[in-house]
Amino acid sequence: MLFALIRPREIRTVEVIGTTLEDVQTQLAAHRQPGFDLADAPVRMLKGEAKMEAVGMFLRVDGIREIDANEMPALKEKVPDGWRMLSVRRA
């Protein structure tokens, strides 16, 4: 029997503008919703201004479930649309 851990595949992005890197980080933290972690936030200076812009990418990290099947193809078929398989173990 195979067991797999699956999780929803969801990405959210938010754009923030700040005057300092700390300001940008604070704004991004304020936009973080429960169940999401900040995965990427490239920062760029705005042309002709003393400001910087960041586009934060938040990935869902909660909602983990376990599914099972006898063989790998059957296990893959059980992964719902919008979900991803994290790991597989045999028991």
N, C-alpha and C. Protein backbone atom coordinates (compact mmCIF):
# COMPACT_ATOMS: atom_id res chain seq x y z
N MET A 1 0.86 -1.18 0.00
CA MET A 1 0.00 0.00 0.00
C MET A 1 0.90 1.24 0.00
N LEU A 2 0.53 2.21 -0.82
CA LEU A 2 1.26 3.48 -0.89
C LEU A 2 0.44 4.58 -0.24
N PHE A 3 1.11 5.45 0.46
CA PHE A 3 0.47 6.60 1.10
C PHE A 3 1.19 7.86 0.62
N ALA A 4 0.43 8.87 0.28
CA ALA A 4 1.01 10.14 -0.20
C ALA A 4 0.44 11.30 0.60
N LEU A 5 1.28 12.28 0.86
CA LEU A 5 0.83 13.53 1.44
C LEU A 5 0.60 14.50 0.29
N ILE A 6 -0.56 15.17 0.30
CA ILE A 6 -0.88 16.14 -0.74
C ILE A 6 -1.25 17.48 -0.10
N ARG A 7 -1.10 18.55 -0.88
CA ARG A 7 -1.40 19.90 -0.38
C ARG A 7 -1.95 20.73 -1.53
N PRO A 8 -2.87 21.67 -1.24
CA PRO A 8 -3.36 22.55 -2.30
C PRO A 8 -2.22 23.35 -2.92
N ARG A 9 -2.27 23.52 -4.23
CA ARG A 9 -1.26 24.31 -4.95
C ARG A 9 -1.90 25.68 -5.20
N GLU A 10 -1.54 26.62 -4.37
CA GLU A 10 -2.12 27.95 -4.49
C GLU A 10 -1.03 28.99 -4.30
N ILE A 11 -1.02 29.97 -5.19
CA ILE A 11 -0.05 31.06 -5.14
C ILE A 11 -0.81 32.37 -5.15
N ARG A 12 -0.39 33.27 -4.30
CA ARG A 12 -0.96 34.63 -4.27
C ARG A 12 0.19 35.62 -4.36
N THR A 13 -0.03 36.69 -5.08
CA THR A 13 1.00 37.73 -5.19
C THR A 13 0.44 39.06 -4.72
N VAL A 14 1.34 39.89 -4.22
CA VAL A 14 0.96 41.23 -3.78
C VAL A 14 2.11 42.18 -4.11
N GLU A 15 1.77 43.37 -4.56
CA GLU A 15 2.78 44.37 -4.89
C GLU A 15 2.77 45.45 -3.81
N VAL A 16 3.95 45.79 -3.31
CA VAL A 16 4.07 46.84 -2.28
C VAL A 16 5.15 47.82 -2.69
N ILE A 17 5.02 49.04 -2.22
CA ILE A 17 6.01 50.09 -2.46
C ILE A 17 6.37 50.70 -1.12
N GLY A 18 7.67 50.85 -0.87
CA GLY A 18 8.14 51.41 0.39
C GLY A 18 9.37 52.27 0.19
N THR A 19 9.75 52.94 1.25
CA THR A 19 10.91 53.82 1.19
C THR A 19 12.18 53.13 1.68
N THR A 20 12.02 52.05 2.44
CA THR A 20 13.17 51.28 2.93
C THR A 20 12.87 49.79 2.79
N LEU A 21 13.89 48.98 2.85
CA LEU A 21 13.70 47.54 2.79
C LEU A 21 12.87 47.06 3.98
N GLU A 22 13.10 47.64 5.13
CA GLU A 22 12.31 47.29 6.32
C GLU A 22 10.84 47.60 6.11
N ASP A 23 10.55 48.75 5.49
CA ASP A 23 9.17 49.14 5.19
C ASP A 23 8.52 48.11 4.26
N VAL A 24 9.25 47.71 3.23
CA VAL A 24 8.74 46.72 2.27
C VAL A 24 8.47 45.40 2.99
N GLN A 25 9.39 44.96 3.83
CA GLN A 25 9.22 43.69 4.56
C GLN A 25 8.02 43.75 5.51
N THR A 26 7.83 44.90 6.16
CA THR A 26 6.68 45.07 7.07
C THR A 26 5.37 44.98 6.30
N GLN A 27 5.32 45.63 5.14
CA GLN A 27 4.11 45.59 4.32
C GLN A 27 3.82 44.18 3.83
N LEU A 28 4.85 43.48 3.39
CA LEU A 28 4.66 42.10 2.94
C LEU A 28 4.14 41.22 4.07
N ALA A 29 4.70 41.38 5.26
CA ALA A 29 4.26 40.60 6.41
C ALA A 29 2.79 40.87 6.73
N ALA A 30 2.36 42.11 6.54
CA ALA A 30 0.96 42.47 6.80
C ALA A 30 0.01 41.81 5.79
N HIS A 31 0.50 41.49 4.61
CA HIS A 31 -0.32 40.86 3.57
C HIS A 31 -0.35 39.34 3.67
N ARG A 32 0.49 38.77 4.53
CA ARG A 32 0.54 37.31 4.66
C ARG A 32 -0.75 36.81 5.30
N GLN A 33 -1.41 35.89 4.62
CA GLN A 33 -2.64 35.31 5.14
C GLN A 33 -2.34 33.98 5.82
N PRO A 34 -3.19 33.57 6.75
CA PRO A 34 -2.97 32.28 7.43
C PRO A 34 -2.87 31.15 6.41
N GLY A 35 -1.91 30.26 6.63
CA GLY A 35 -1.72 29.13 5.75
C GLY A 35 -0.79 29.40 4.58
N PHE A 36 -0.24 30.62 4.49
CA PHE A 36 0.66 30.98 3.40
C PHE A 36 2.00 31.42 3.96
N ASP A 37 3.07 31.13 3.22
CA ASP A 37 4.41 31.61 3.55
C ASP A 37 4.94 32.42 2.38
N LEU A 38 5.71 33.45 2.69
CA LEU A 38 6.35 34.25 1.66
C LEU A 38 7.47 33.43 1.04
N ALA A 39 7.39 33.18 -0.27
CA ALA A 39 8.38 32.35 -0.95
C ALA A 39 9.39 33.18 -1.73
N ASP A 40 8.98 34.34 -2.22
CA ASP A 40 9.87 35.16 -3.04
C ASP A 40 9.36 36.60 -3.00
N ALA A 41 10.28 37.55 -3.03
CA ALA A 41 9.91 38.96 -3.04
C ALA A 41 11.05 39.79 -3.60
N PRO A 42 11.27 39.71 -4.93
CA PRO A 42 12.32 40.53 -5.52
C PRO A 42 12.00 42.02 -5.37
N VAL A 43 13.03 42.79 -5.04
CA VAL A 43 12.86 44.23 -4.81
C VAL A 43 13.61 44.98 -5.90
N ARG A 44 13.00 46.06 -6.39
CA ARG A 44 13.68 46.92 -7.37
C ARG A 44 13.43 48.37 -7.01
N MET A 45 14.41 49.19 -7.29
CA MET A 45 14.27 50.64 -7.06
C MET A 45 13.42 51.23 -8.17
N LEU A 46 12.57 52.18 -7.80
CA LEU A 46 11.75 52.86 -8.79
C LEU A 46 12.56 53.99 -9.42
N LYS A 47 12.50 54.08 -10.72
CA LYS A 47 13.28 55.06 -11.47
C LYS A 47 12.84 56.48 -11.11
N GLY A 48 13.83 57.30 -10.72
CA GLY A 48 13.56 58.70 -10.42
C GLY A 48 12.90 58.97 -9.09
N GLU A 49 12.80 57.93 -8.23
CA GLU A 49 12.16 58.10 -6.93
C GLU A 49 13.02 57.45 -5.86
N ALA A 50 12.83 57.89 -4.64
CA ALA A 50 13.54 57.28 -3.50
C ALA A 50 12.65 56.21 -2.88
N LYS A 51 12.10 55.35 -3.73
CA LYS A 51 11.21 54.28 -3.29
C LYS A 51 11.60 52.98 -3.97
N MET A 52 11.17 51.88 -3.36
CA MET A 52 11.41 50.57 -3.94
C MET A 52 10.11 49.79 -3.99
N GLU A 53 10.06 48.90 -4.94
CA GLU A 53 8.86 48.09 -5.17
C GLU A 53 9.23 46.62 -5.02
N ALA A 54 8.32 45.85 -4.45
CA ALA A 54 8.51 44.40 -4.35
C ALA A 54 7.21 43.71 -4.71
N VAL A 55 7.35 42.59 -5.38
CA VAL A 55 6.20 41.73 -5.67
C VAL A 55 6.40 40.47 -4.85
N GLY A 56 5.60 40.34 -3.80
CA GLY A 56 5.71 39.18 -2.93
C GLY A 56 4.88 38.01 -3.45
N MET A 57 5.48 36.81 -3.46
CA MET A 57 4.78 35.60 -3.87
C MET A 57 4.59 34.73 -2.63
N PHE A 58 3.34 34.49 -2.29
CA PHE A 58 2.99 33.68 -1.14
C PHE A 58 2.49 32.32 -1.61
N LEU A 59 3.01 31.24 -1.02
CA LEU A 59 2.60 29.88 -1.35
C LEU A 59 1.82 29.28 -0.19
N ARG A 60 0.77 28.53 -0.53
CA ARG A 60 -0.01 27.85 0.51
C ARG A 60 0.82 26.71 1.10
N VAL A 61 0.85 26.62 2.42
CA VAL A 61 1.62 25.57 3.10
C VAL A 61 0.77 24.74 4.06
N ASP A 62 -0.53 25.03 4.13
CA ASP A 62 -1.37 24.25 5.04
C ASP A 62 -2.33 23.37 4.21
N GLY A 63 -3.23 22.70 4.88
CA GLY A 63 -4.22 21.88 4.20
C GLY A 63 -3.70 20.52 3.76
N ILE A 64 -2.69 20.02 4.42
CA ILE A 64 -2.09 18.74 4.02
C ILE A 64 -3.05 17.59 4.37
N ARG A 65 -3.22 16.69 3.38
CA ARG A 65 -4.04 15.49 3.55
C ARG A 65 -3.24 14.27 3.13
N GLU A 66 -3.72 13.10 3.55
CA GLU A 66 -3.08 11.85 3.14
C GLU A 66 -4.05 11.06 2.27
N ILE A 67 -3.54 10.50 1.19
CA ILE A 67 -4.32 9.62 0.34
C ILE A 67 -3.57 8.29 0.22
N ASP A 68 -4.26 7.24 -0.22
CA ASP A 68 -3.60 5.94 -0.35
C ASP A 68 -4.12 5.20 -1.57
N ALA A 69 -3.29 4.29 -2.06
CA ALA A 69 -3.64 3.43 -3.19
C ALA A 69 -2.65 2.27 -3.23
N ASN A 70 -2.97 1.26 -4.03
CA ASN A 70 -2.09 0.09 -4.12
C ASN A 70 -0.90 0.32 -5.03
N GLU A 71 -1.07 1.15 -6.07
CA GLU A 71 0.00 1.39 -7.03
C GLU A 71 0.13 2.87 -7.33
N MET A 72 1.28 3.28 -7.85
CA MET A 72 1.56 4.69 -8.10
C MET A 72 0.59 5.33 -9.11
N PRO A 73 0.25 4.68 -10.22
CA PRO A 73 -0.70 5.32 -11.14
C PRO A 73 -2.05 5.62 -10.47
N ALA A 74 -2.52 4.69 -9.65
CA ALA A 74 -3.80 4.90 -8.94
C ALA A 74 -3.67 6.02 -7.92
N LEU A 75 -2.50 6.11 -7.29
CA LEU A 75 -2.26 7.18 -6.32
C LEU A 75 -2.28 8.54 -7.01
N LYS A 76 -1.61 8.63 -8.17
CA LYS A 76 -1.59 9.89 -8.93
C LYS A 76 -2.99 10.31 -9.37
N GLU A 77 -3.82 9.34 -9.71
CA GLU A 77 -5.20 9.64 -10.12
C GLU A 77 -6.02 10.23 -8.98
N LYS A 78 -5.66 9.92 -7.76
CA LYS A 78 -6.42 10.41 -6.60
C LYS A 78 -6.07 11.85 -6.21
N VAL A 79 -5.00 12.41 -6.79
CA VAL A 79 -4.62 13.79 -6.48
C VAL A 79 -5.60 14.72 -7.18
N PRO A 80 -6.40 15.49 -6.41
CA PRO A 80 -7.39 16.37 -7.03
C PRO A 80 -6.73 17.50 -7.83
N ASP A 81 -7.46 18.05 -8.79
CA ASP A 81 -6.98 19.22 -9.53
C ASP A 81 -6.69 20.35 -8.55
N GLY A 82 -5.59 21.04 -8.78
CA GLY A 82 -5.21 22.14 -7.90
C GLY A 82 -4.44 21.70 -6.66
N TRP A 83 -4.11 20.43 -6.57
CA TRP A 83 -3.33 19.89 -5.46
C TRP A 83 -2.03 19.33 -6.01
N ARG A 84 -1.04 19.16 -5.14
CA ARG A 84 0.23 18.55 -5.54
C ARG A 84 0.65 17.50 -4.52
N MET A 85 1.36 16.50 -5.01
CA MET A 85 1.84 15.43 -4.16
C MET A 85 3.16 15.86 -3.55
N LEU A 86 3.28 15.77 -2.24
CA LEU A 86 4.48 16.17 -1.54
C LEU A 86 5.46 15.02 -1.31
N SER A 87 4.92 13.88 -0.92
CA SER A 87 5.77 12.73 -0.62
C SER A 87 4.96 11.44 -0.73
N VAL A 88 5.69 10.34 -0.91
CA VAL A 88 5.05 9.02 -1.01
C VAL A 88 5.84 8.06 -0.12
N ARG A 89 5.11 7.21 0.59
CA ARG A 89 5.78 6.19 1.39
C ARG A 89 5.03 4.86 1.21
N ARG A 90 5.74 3.79 1.37
CA ARG A 90 5.15 2.45 1.25
C ARG A 90 4.99 1.89 2.66
N ALA A 91 3.84 1.26 2.89
CA ALA A 91 3.60 0.63 4.21
C ALA A 91 2.96 -0.72 4.02
